[in-house]
N, C-alpha and C. Protein backbone atom coordinates (compact mmCIF):
# COMPACT_ATOMS: atom_id res chain seq x y z
N MET A 1 0.84 -1.16 -0.07
CA MET A 1 0.03 0.03 0.01
C MET A 1 0.84 1.21 -0.05
N SER A 2 0.41 2.19 -0.79
CA SER A 2 1.34 3.33 -0.83
C SER A 2 1.11 4.33 0.11
N LEU A 3 1.88 5.14 0.43
CA LEU A 3 1.81 6.27 1.56
C LEU A 3 0.65 7.11 1.36
N ALA A 4 0.22 7.65 0.22
CA ALA A 4 -1.07 8.13 -0.31
C ALA A 4 -2.32 7.57 0.22
N GLY A 5 -2.26 6.26 -0.17
CA GLY A 5 -3.41 5.41 0.18
C GLY A 5 -3.62 5.29 1.88
N ALA A 6 -2.54 5.08 2.49
CA ALA A 6 -2.57 5.15 4.09
C ALA A 6 -3.23 6.29 4.61
N ARG A 7 -2.69 7.54 3.96
CA ARG A 7 -3.17 8.76 4.54
C ARG A 7 -4.65 8.97 4.26
N LYS A 8 -5.12 8.46 3.19
CA LYS A 8 -6.48 8.54 2.74
C LYS A 8 -7.35 7.67 3.63
N LYS A 9 -6.99 6.53 3.97
CA LYS A 9 -7.66 5.67 4.89
C LYS A 9 -7.72 6.39 6.33
N LYS A 10 -6.59 6.84 6.75
CA LYS A 10 -6.53 7.64 8.02
C LYS A 10 -7.41 8.82 8.03
N ARG A 11 -7.46 9.60 7.01
CA ARG A 11 -8.41 10.73 7.13
C ARG A 11 -9.87 10.17 6.94
N ILE A 12 -10.21 9.13 6.16
CA ILE A 12 -11.63 8.66 6.11
C ILE A 12 -11.96 8.10 7.52
N ARG A 13 -11.07 7.47 8.30
CA ARG A 13 -11.41 7.00 9.71
C ARG A 13 -11.70 8.35 10.58
N LEU A 14 -10.70 9.16 10.45
CA LEU A 14 -10.93 10.38 11.34
C LEU A 14 -12.28 11.15 10.85
N ILE A 15 -12.73 11.37 9.89
CA ILE A 15 -13.86 11.93 9.37
C ILE A 15 -14.97 11.06 10.07
N ALA A 16 -14.90 9.61 9.91
CA ALA A 16 -16.10 8.76 10.24
C ALA A 16 -16.18 8.90 11.86
N PHE A 17 -15.23 8.89 12.55
CA PHE A 17 -15.20 8.96 13.97
C PHE A 17 -15.75 10.29 14.40
N GLY A 18 -15.36 11.49 13.64
CA GLY A 18 -15.94 12.78 14.07
C GLY A 18 -17.43 12.86 13.84
N ALA A 19 -17.87 12.27 12.61
CA ALA A 19 -19.31 12.21 12.42
C ALA A 19 -20.11 11.43 13.31
N ALA A 20 -19.51 10.21 13.86
CA ALA A 20 -20.04 9.42 14.90
C ALA A 20 -20.24 10.12 16.18
N ALA A 21 -19.15 10.95 16.63
CA ALA A 21 -19.12 11.54 17.83
C ALA A 21 -20.14 12.76 17.88
N LEU A 22 -20.20 13.46 16.65
CA LEU A 22 -21.03 14.51 16.56
C LEU A 22 -22.64 14.11 16.65
N THR A 23 -22.74 12.88 16.02
CA THR A 23 -24.16 12.26 16.05
C THR A 23 -24.54 12.00 17.49
N ALA A 24 -23.67 11.33 18.27
CA ALA A 24 -23.94 11.01 19.57
C ALA A 24 -24.12 12.12 20.53
N ALA A 25 -23.38 13.17 20.29
CA ALA A 25 -23.55 14.31 21.00
C ALA A 25 -24.87 15.06 20.81
N THR A 26 -25.40 14.96 19.65
CA THR A 26 -26.61 15.63 19.22
C THR A 26 -27.82 14.76 19.93
N VAL A 27 -27.67 13.37 19.80
CA VAL A 27 -28.67 12.71 20.45
C VAL A 27 -28.74 12.78 21.91
N LEU A 28 -27.64 12.78 22.62
CA LEU A 28 -27.47 13.05 24.06
C LEU A 28 -28.17 14.30 24.47
N ALA A 29 -27.95 15.44 23.62
CA ALA A 29 -28.40 16.74 23.94
C ALA A 29 -30.02 16.85 23.78
N GLY A 30 -30.32 16.10 22.68
CA GLY A 30 -31.71 16.03 22.48
C GLY A 30 -32.46 15.42 23.60
N PHE A 31 -31.91 14.26 24.14
CA PHE A 31 -32.51 13.63 25.52
C PHE A 31 -32.48 14.59 26.56
N ALA A 32 -31.36 15.25 26.82
CA ALA A 32 -31.24 16.19 27.95
C ALA A 32 -32.23 17.39 27.86
N PHE A 33 -32.52 17.79 26.87
CA PHE A 33 -33.40 18.94 26.67
C PHE A 33 -34.70 18.72 26.24
N ASN A 34 -35.09 17.30 26.50
CA ASN A 34 -36.55 16.74 26.03
C ASN A 34 -37.70 17.79 26.59
N ASP A 35 -37.91 17.72 27.72
CA ASP A 35 -39.04 18.76 28.18
C ASP A 35 -38.54 20.05 28.47
N ALA A 36 -37.25 20.41 28.92
CA ALA A 36 -36.73 21.62 29.39
C ALA A 36 -37.12 22.66 28.15
N ILE A 37 -37.13 22.29 27.04
CA ILE A 37 -37.30 23.27 25.89
C ILE A 37 -38.73 23.76 26.09
N VAL A 38 -39.68 23.12 26.56
CA VAL A 38 -40.98 23.70 26.57
C VAL A 38 -41.02 24.79 27.59
N PHE A 39 -41.62 25.83 27.03
CA PHE A 39 -41.78 27.33 27.75
C PHE A 39 -42.74 26.87 29.04
N PHE A 40 -43.71 26.30 28.83
CA PHE A 40 -44.64 26.03 29.90
C PHE A 40 -45.66 24.95 29.51
N HIS A 41 -46.38 24.45 30.55
CA HIS A 41 -47.39 23.18 30.34
C HIS A 41 -48.67 23.92 30.85
N PRO A 42 -49.65 23.76 29.95
CA PRO A 42 -50.92 24.17 30.29
C PRO A 42 -51.57 23.24 31.26
N PRO A 43 -52.71 23.56 32.10
CA PRO A 43 -53.08 22.71 33.21
C PRO A 43 -53.45 21.30 32.65
N VAL A 44 -54.03 21.14 31.62
CA VAL A 44 -54.52 19.86 31.33
C VAL A 44 -53.26 18.91 31.02
N GLU A 45 -52.21 19.52 30.16
CA GLU A 45 -51.04 18.71 30.12
C GLU A 45 -50.37 18.49 31.30
N LEU A 46 -50.12 19.44 32.19
CA LEU A 46 -49.45 19.19 33.40
C LEU A 46 -50.16 18.08 34.26
N ILE A 47 -51.54 18.12 34.42
CA ILE A 47 -52.09 17.03 35.24
C ILE A 47 -51.98 15.66 34.40
N ALA A 48 -51.95 15.69 33.24
CA ALA A 48 -51.76 14.22 32.40
C ALA A 48 -50.36 13.80 32.56
N LYS A 49 -49.42 14.66 32.54
CA LYS A 49 -48.02 14.29 32.71
C LYS A 49 -47.78 13.76 34.19
N ALA A 50 -48.31 14.67 35.07
CA ALA A 50 -48.20 14.23 36.52
C ALA A 50 -48.74 12.77 36.81
N GLU A 51 -49.96 12.66 36.21
CA GLU A 51 -50.65 11.37 36.47
C GLU A 51 -49.80 10.13 36.06
N ALA A 52 -49.14 10.49 34.65
CA ALA A 52 -48.37 9.49 34.04
C ALA A 52 -47.12 9.26 34.67
N GLY A 53 -46.63 10.11 35.82
CA GLY A 53 -45.34 9.96 36.38
C GLY A 53 -44.33 10.61 35.57
N GLU A 54 -44.55 11.37 34.71
CA GLU A 54 -43.67 12.09 33.84
C GLU A 54 -42.94 13.21 34.56
N ILE A 55 -43.64 14.07 35.59
CA ILE A 55 -43.14 15.13 36.26
C ILE A 55 -42.99 14.75 37.58
N GLN A 56 -41.91 14.89 38.29
CA GLN A 56 -41.44 14.57 39.50
C GLN A 56 -41.53 15.73 40.42
N PRO A 57 -41.78 15.64 41.81
CA PRO A 57 -42.04 16.76 42.60
C PRO A 57 -40.94 17.81 42.71
N GLU A 58 -39.67 17.24 42.52
CA GLU A 58 -38.45 17.94 42.80
C GLU A 58 -38.11 18.79 41.44
N ARG A 59 -38.89 18.57 40.36
CA ARG A 59 -38.50 19.03 39.01
C ARG A 59 -39.19 20.47 38.89
N ARG A 60 -38.47 21.51 38.61
CA ARG A 60 -38.92 22.69 38.53
C ARG A 60 -39.42 22.88 37.14
N ILE A 61 -40.79 23.39 36.97
CA ILE A 61 -41.56 23.44 35.70
C ILE A 61 -42.21 24.67 35.63
N ARG A 62 -42.84 25.08 34.39
CA ARG A 62 -43.60 26.28 34.40
C ARG A 62 -45.02 25.95 33.97
N LEU A 63 -45.89 26.54 34.44
CA LEU A 63 -47.48 26.25 34.28
C LEU A 63 -47.97 27.52 33.78
N GLY A 64 -48.74 27.47 32.67
CA GLY A 64 -49.23 28.84 31.86
C GLY A 64 -50.74 28.63 31.61
N GLY A 65 -51.42 29.71 31.81
CA GLY A 65 -52.78 29.76 31.43
C GLY A 65 -53.51 31.01 31.85
N LEU A 66 -54.83 30.88 32.11
CA LEU A 66 -55.41 32.13 32.58
C LEU A 66 -55.66 32.09 34.29
N VAL A 67 -55.67 33.08 34.81
CA VAL A 67 -56.16 33.26 36.20
C VAL A 67 -57.47 33.03 36.22
N ALA A 68 -58.16 32.21 36.74
CA ALA A 68 -59.47 31.84 36.87
C ALA A 68 -60.30 33.00 37.68
N ALA A 69 -61.39 33.40 37.21
CA ALA A 69 -62.28 34.35 37.70
C ALA A 69 -62.75 34.09 39.18
N GLY A 70 -62.48 34.72 40.18
CA GLY A 70 -62.93 34.48 41.42
C GLY A 70 -62.20 33.58 42.30
N SER A 71 -60.88 33.34 41.84
CA SER A 71 -60.03 32.27 42.36
C SER A 71 -58.87 32.96 43.35
N VAL A 72 -58.69 34.19 43.14
CA VAL A 72 -57.50 34.77 44.02
C VAL A 72 -57.84 35.02 45.35
N GLU A 73 -57.13 34.47 46.32
CA GLU A 73 -57.31 34.56 47.73
C GLU A 73 -56.14 34.86 48.54
N ASP A 74 -56.08 35.80 49.25
CA ASP A 74 -54.93 35.99 50.29
C ASP A 74 -55.23 35.06 51.57
N ALA A 75 -54.06 34.32 51.79
CA ALA A 75 -54.08 33.47 52.97
C ALA A 75 -53.68 34.16 54.27
N ALA A 76 -53.90 33.62 55.38
CA ALA A 76 -53.45 34.16 56.60
C ALA A 76 -51.92 34.09 56.72
N ASP A 77 -51.39 33.06 56.16
CA ASP A 77 -49.84 33.09 56.43
C ASP A 77 -49.11 33.92 55.29
N GLY A 78 -49.73 34.83 54.68
CA GLY A 78 -49.19 35.67 53.66
C GLY A 78 -49.10 35.24 52.30
N SER A 79 -49.46 33.94 52.01
CA SER A 79 -49.31 33.46 50.66
C SER A 79 -50.68 33.84 49.91
N VAL A 80 -50.54 33.78 48.59
CA VAL A 80 -51.51 33.96 47.76
C VAL A 80 -52.04 32.63 47.07
N HIS A 81 -53.39 32.25 47.04
CA HIS A 81 -53.85 31.25 46.34
C HIS A 81 -54.63 31.64 45.13
N PHE A 82 -54.38 31.03 43.89
CA PHE A 82 -55.35 31.30 42.83
C PHE A 82 -55.37 30.02 42.01
N THR A 83 -56.10 30.09 40.96
CA THR A 83 -56.24 28.84 40.05
C THR A 83 -55.87 29.30 38.61
N VAL A 84 -55.08 28.43 38.10
CA VAL A 84 -54.69 28.78 36.59
C VAL A 84 -55.62 27.66 35.74
N THR A 85 -56.08 28.18 34.75
CA THR A 85 -56.95 27.27 34.05
C THR A 85 -56.64 27.45 32.36
N ASP A 86 -57.03 26.37 31.61
CA ASP A 86 -56.91 26.52 30.31
C ASP A 86 -58.31 26.26 29.68
N ASN A 87 -59.39 26.42 30.51
CA ASN A 87 -60.66 26.02 30.30
C ASN A 87 -61.05 24.55 30.12
N GLU A 88 -60.05 23.77 30.19
CA GLU A 88 -60.27 22.27 30.08
C GLU A 88 -60.03 21.62 31.32
N ALA A 89 -58.91 22.13 31.97
CA ALA A 89 -58.62 21.71 33.43
C ALA A 89 -58.04 22.98 34.21
N ALA A 90 -57.96 22.76 35.63
CA ALA A 90 -57.47 23.76 36.50
C ALA A 90 -56.61 23.37 37.38
N VAL A 91 -55.74 24.13 37.82
CA VAL A 91 -54.56 23.84 38.73
C VAL A 91 -54.51 24.81 39.84
N PRO A 92 -54.79 24.40 40.96
CA PRO A 92 -54.61 25.45 42.29
C PRO A 92 -53.07 25.82 42.46
N VAL A 93 -52.84 26.96 42.64
CA VAL A 93 -51.48 27.52 42.82
C VAL A 93 -51.29 28.28 44.08
N ARG A 94 -50.27 28.17 44.63
CA ARG A 94 -49.95 28.86 45.94
C ARG A 94 -48.58 29.59 45.68
N PHE A 95 -48.67 30.80 46.17
CA PHE A 95 -47.41 31.66 45.94
C PHE A 95 -47.16 32.50 47.06
N GLU A 96 -45.91 32.40 47.50
CA GLU A 96 -45.52 33.53 48.58
C GLU A 96 -44.56 34.59 47.97
N GLY A 97 -44.98 35.67 48.10
CA GLY A 97 -44.21 36.80 47.68
C GLY A 97 -44.96 37.77 47.03
N VAL A 98 -44.53 38.73 46.22
CA VAL A 98 -45.31 40.02 45.75
C VAL A 98 -45.69 39.61 44.33
N LEU A 99 -46.88 39.62 44.06
CA LEU A 99 -47.40 39.26 42.55
C LEU A 99 -47.07 40.52 41.70
N PRO A 100 -46.74 40.43 40.54
CA PRO A 100 -46.61 41.45 39.58
C PRO A 100 -47.78 42.37 39.48
N SER A 101 -47.61 43.66 39.41
CA SER A 101 -48.72 44.68 39.24
C SER A 101 -49.81 44.56 38.37
N LEU A 102 -49.37 43.87 37.20
CA LEU A 102 -50.33 43.51 36.24
C LEU A 102 -51.10 42.29 36.49
N PHE A 103 -50.87 41.50 37.47
CA PHE A 103 -51.44 40.10 37.86
C PHE A 103 -52.97 40.44 38.08
N ARG A 104 -53.88 39.73 37.56
CA ARG A 104 -55.35 39.95 37.82
C ARG A 104 -55.94 38.74 37.19
N GLU A 105 -57.33 38.48 37.61
CA GLU A 105 -58.12 37.41 37.30
C GLU A 105 -58.46 37.59 35.77
N GLY A 106 -58.59 36.54 35.11
CA GLY A 106 -58.95 36.63 33.66
C GLY A 106 -57.83 36.93 32.62
N GLN A 107 -56.54 37.05 33.22
CA GLN A 107 -55.53 37.37 32.45
C GLN A 107 -54.55 36.22 32.38
N GLY A 108 -53.58 36.44 31.36
CA GLY A 108 -52.69 35.26 31.21
C GLY A 108 -51.46 35.47 32.18
N VAL A 109 -51.12 34.26 32.75
CA VAL A 109 -50.02 34.12 33.65
C VAL A 109 -49.11 32.83 33.42
N VAL A 110 -47.82 33.06 33.68
CA VAL A 110 -47.03 32.06 33.68
C VAL A 110 -46.28 31.71 35.03
N ALA A 111 -46.54 30.59 35.74
CA ALA A 111 -45.97 30.50 36.92
C ALA A 111 -44.84 29.40 36.82
N GLU A 112 -43.56 29.64 37.68
CA GLU A 112 -42.56 28.59 37.73
C GLU A 112 -42.37 28.26 39.05
N GLY A 113 -42.34 26.80 39.13
CA GLY A 113 -42.27 26.28 40.43
C GLY A 113 -42.41 24.83 40.34
N TYR A 114 -43.01 24.18 41.41
CA TYR A 114 -43.07 22.67 41.51
C TYR A 114 -44.53 22.29 41.62
N TYR A 115 -44.87 21.12 41.02
CA TYR A 115 -46.23 20.53 40.98
C TYR A 115 -46.11 19.34 41.98
N ARG A 116 -46.78 19.57 43.28
CA ARG A 116 -46.71 18.63 44.30
C ARG A 116 -48.08 18.23 44.79
N ALA A 117 -48.54 17.04 44.97
CA ALA A 117 -49.76 16.53 45.61
C ALA A 117 -50.82 17.32 44.96
N GLY A 118 -50.96 17.56 43.61
CA GLY A 118 -52.04 18.19 42.99
C GLY A 118 -52.14 19.69 43.19
N ARG A 119 -51.04 20.35 43.63
CA ARG A 119 -51.09 21.78 43.75
C ARG A 119 -49.72 22.17 43.24
N PHE A 120 -49.74 23.40 42.70
CA PHE A 120 -48.49 23.97 42.15
C PHE A 120 -48.10 25.10 43.17
N GLU A 121 -46.75 24.87 43.50
CA GLU A 121 -46.11 25.72 44.56
C GLU A 121 -45.27 26.56 43.60
N ALA A 122 -45.82 27.77 43.44
CA ALA A 122 -45.02 28.73 42.43
C ALA A 122 -43.90 29.49 43.22
N ALA A 123 -42.75 29.64 42.65
CA ALA A 123 -41.53 30.32 43.08
C ALA A 123 -41.51 31.64 42.47
N GLU A 124 -42.18 31.83 41.38
CA GLU A 124 -42.09 32.94 40.61
C GLU A 124 -43.32 33.21 39.63
N VAL A 125 -43.89 34.16 39.59
CA VAL A 125 -45.21 34.39 38.78
C VAL A 125 -44.91 35.60 37.73
N LEU A 126 -45.18 35.38 36.63
CA LEU A 126 -45.06 36.45 35.46
C LEU A 126 -46.52 36.69 34.87
N ALA A 127 -46.71 37.89 34.80
CA ALA A 127 -48.01 38.41 34.27
C ALA A 127 -47.82 39.04 32.94
N LYS A 128 -48.98 39.40 32.45
CA LYS A 128 -48.88 40.05 30.99
C LYS A 128 -48.33 41.31 31.18
N HIS A 129 -48.04 41.90 29.80
CA HIS A 129 -47.30 43.27 29.92
C HIS A 129 -48.24 44.21 29.80
N ASP A 130 -49.42 44.18 29.02
CA ASP A 130 -50.42 45.07 29.02
C ASP A 130 -51.57 44.51 28.75
N GLU A 131 -52.79 45.37 28.69
CA GLU A 131 -54.01 44.73 28.38
C GLU A 131 -54.31 44.00 26.98
N ASN A 132 -53.51 44.20 26.07
CA ASN A 132 -53.52 43.61 24.88
C ASN A 132 -52.60 42.44 24.69
N TYR A 133 -51.68 42.13 25.70
CA TYR A 133 -50.74 41.03 25.43
C TYR A 133 -51.20 39.73 26.50
N MET A 134 -50.95 38.66 25.81
CA MET A 134 -50.97 37.35 26.45
C MET A 134 -49.82 36.68 25.90
N PRO A 135 -48.91 36.04 26.75
CA PRO A 135 -47.81 35.17 26.18
C PRO A 135 -48.14 34.27 25.03
N LYS A 136 -47.58 34.50 24.00
CA LYS A 136 -48.02 33.67 22.74
C LYS A 136 -48.35 32.23 22.94
N GLU A 137 -47.64 31.64 23.85
CA GLU A 137 -47.65 30.20 24.03
C GLU A 137 -48.96 29.90 24.73
N VAL A 138 -49.46 30.91 25.53
CA VAL A 138 -50.60 30.77 26.40
C VAL A 138 -51.74 30.91 25.42
N ALA A 139 -51.84 31.92 24.81
CA ALA A 139 -52.83 32.29 23.74
C ALA A 139 -53.10 30.92 22.59
N ASP A 140 -51.89 30.53 22.09
CA ASP A 140 -52.07 29.25 21.24
C ASP A 140 -52.58 28.13 21.82
N ALA A 141 -52.19 27.84 23.04
CA ALA A 141 -52.76 26.66 23.65
C ALA A 141 -54.20 26.73 23.95
N LEU A 142 -54.68 27.90 24.22
CA LEU A 142 -56.04 28.25 24.48
C LEU A 142 -56.96 28.18 23.29
N LYS A 143 -56.29 28.78 22.15
CA LYS A 143 -56.93 28.95 21.02
C LYS A 143 -57.19 27.49 20.23
N GLU A 144 -56.00 26.72 20.44
CA GLU A 144 -56.16 25.31 19.88
C GLU A 144 -57.39 24.59 20.42
N THR A 145 -57.77 24.79 21.78
CA THR A 145 -58.88 24.17 22.22
C THR A 145 -60.09 24.91 21.91
N GLY A 146 -60.08 26.11 21.34
CA GLY A 146 -61.34 26.87 21.05
C GLY A 146 -61.94 27.37 22.36
N GLN A 147 -61.23 27.50 23.37
CA GLN A 147 -61.75 27.89 24.79
C GLN A 147 -61.58 29.45 24.92
N TRP A 148 -60.50 30.06 24.31
CA TRP A 148 -60.22 31.22 24.73
C TRP A 148 -60.62 32.26 23.68
N LYS A 149 -61.31 33.36 23.90
CA LYS A 149 -61.52 34.49 22.98
C LYS A 149 -60.98 35.78 23.66
N PRO A 150 -60.20 36.54 22.98
CA PRO A 150 -59.73 37.81 23.58
C PRO A 150 -60.77 38.66 24.15
N GLY A 151 -60.44 39.22 25.36
CA GLY A 151 -61.28 40.15 26.06
C GLY A 151 -62.40 39.34 26.91
N GLU A 152 -62.41 38.11 26.94
CA GLU A 152 -63.03 37.22 27.88
C GLU A 152 -62.33 36.80 29.18
N PRO A 153 -62.93 37.03 30.29
CA PRO A 153 -62.15 36.48 31.35
C PRO A 153 -62.29 34.94 31.54
N ALA A 154 -61.34 34.30 32.01
CA ALA A 154 -61.35 32.76 32.23
C ALA A 154 -62.60 32.64 33.39
N PRO A 155 -63.48 31.42 33.07
CA PRO A 155 -64.33 31.10 33.94
C PRO A 155 -63.82 30.64 35.21
N ALA A 156 -64.67 30.66 36.38
CA ALA A 156 -64.13 29.97 37.47
C ALA A 156 -64.46 28.48 37.34
N PRO A 157 -63.39 27.59 37.85
CA PRO A 157 -63.48 26.37 37.77
C PRO A 157 -64.30 25.72 38.78
N ALA A 158 -64.80 24.47 38.73
CA ALA A 158 -65.40 23.79 39.78
C ALA A 158 -64.70 23.89 40.98
N ALA A 159 -65.34 23.56 42.21
CA ALA A 159 -64.54 23.62 43.55
C ALA A 159 -63.34 22.87 43.61
N LEU A 160 -62.05 23.58 43.88
CA LEU A 160 -60.97 22.99 44.03
C LEU A 160 -60.47 23.32 45.53
N SER A 161 -59.60 22.41 46.03
CA SER A 161 -59.32 22.61 47.36
C SER A 161 -57.74 23.01 47.27
N TYR A 162 -57.35 24.01 48.34
CA TYR A 162 -56.01 24.42 48.36
C TYR A 162 -55.28 23.64 49.33
């Protein structure tokens, strides 16, 4: 075998190894970011994933939807309780802290925290920017179900316990 042939084989092996390593890295990154790429989970999806065991209590996630009408309550311990709905399902939320000034019933909200024992423990609450804005992902999820129409407040869900 000539020197040129040996170099060519070595170069081909190096390229093949590099392509295999790049493919493996891409696959591993895809698995690592599987659900982390999702901006938020609407209530119906969050409940389904929790019941299927896909969401663990120690996993920090985002919940998005509308603040249900008549659901905001100030608790004696200083926390705030409210319900996030997508008009298909509703999730009770508990939050300790100062809510954004634009937070109100019937408006879009994204809460970040932990889903434990059927209740969402929010560490952070994000509200809409102005009266004409709702996070695109929230609006898209509600429009997909045909449940949300701009300007209408979210209906109060059936009795939920906190």
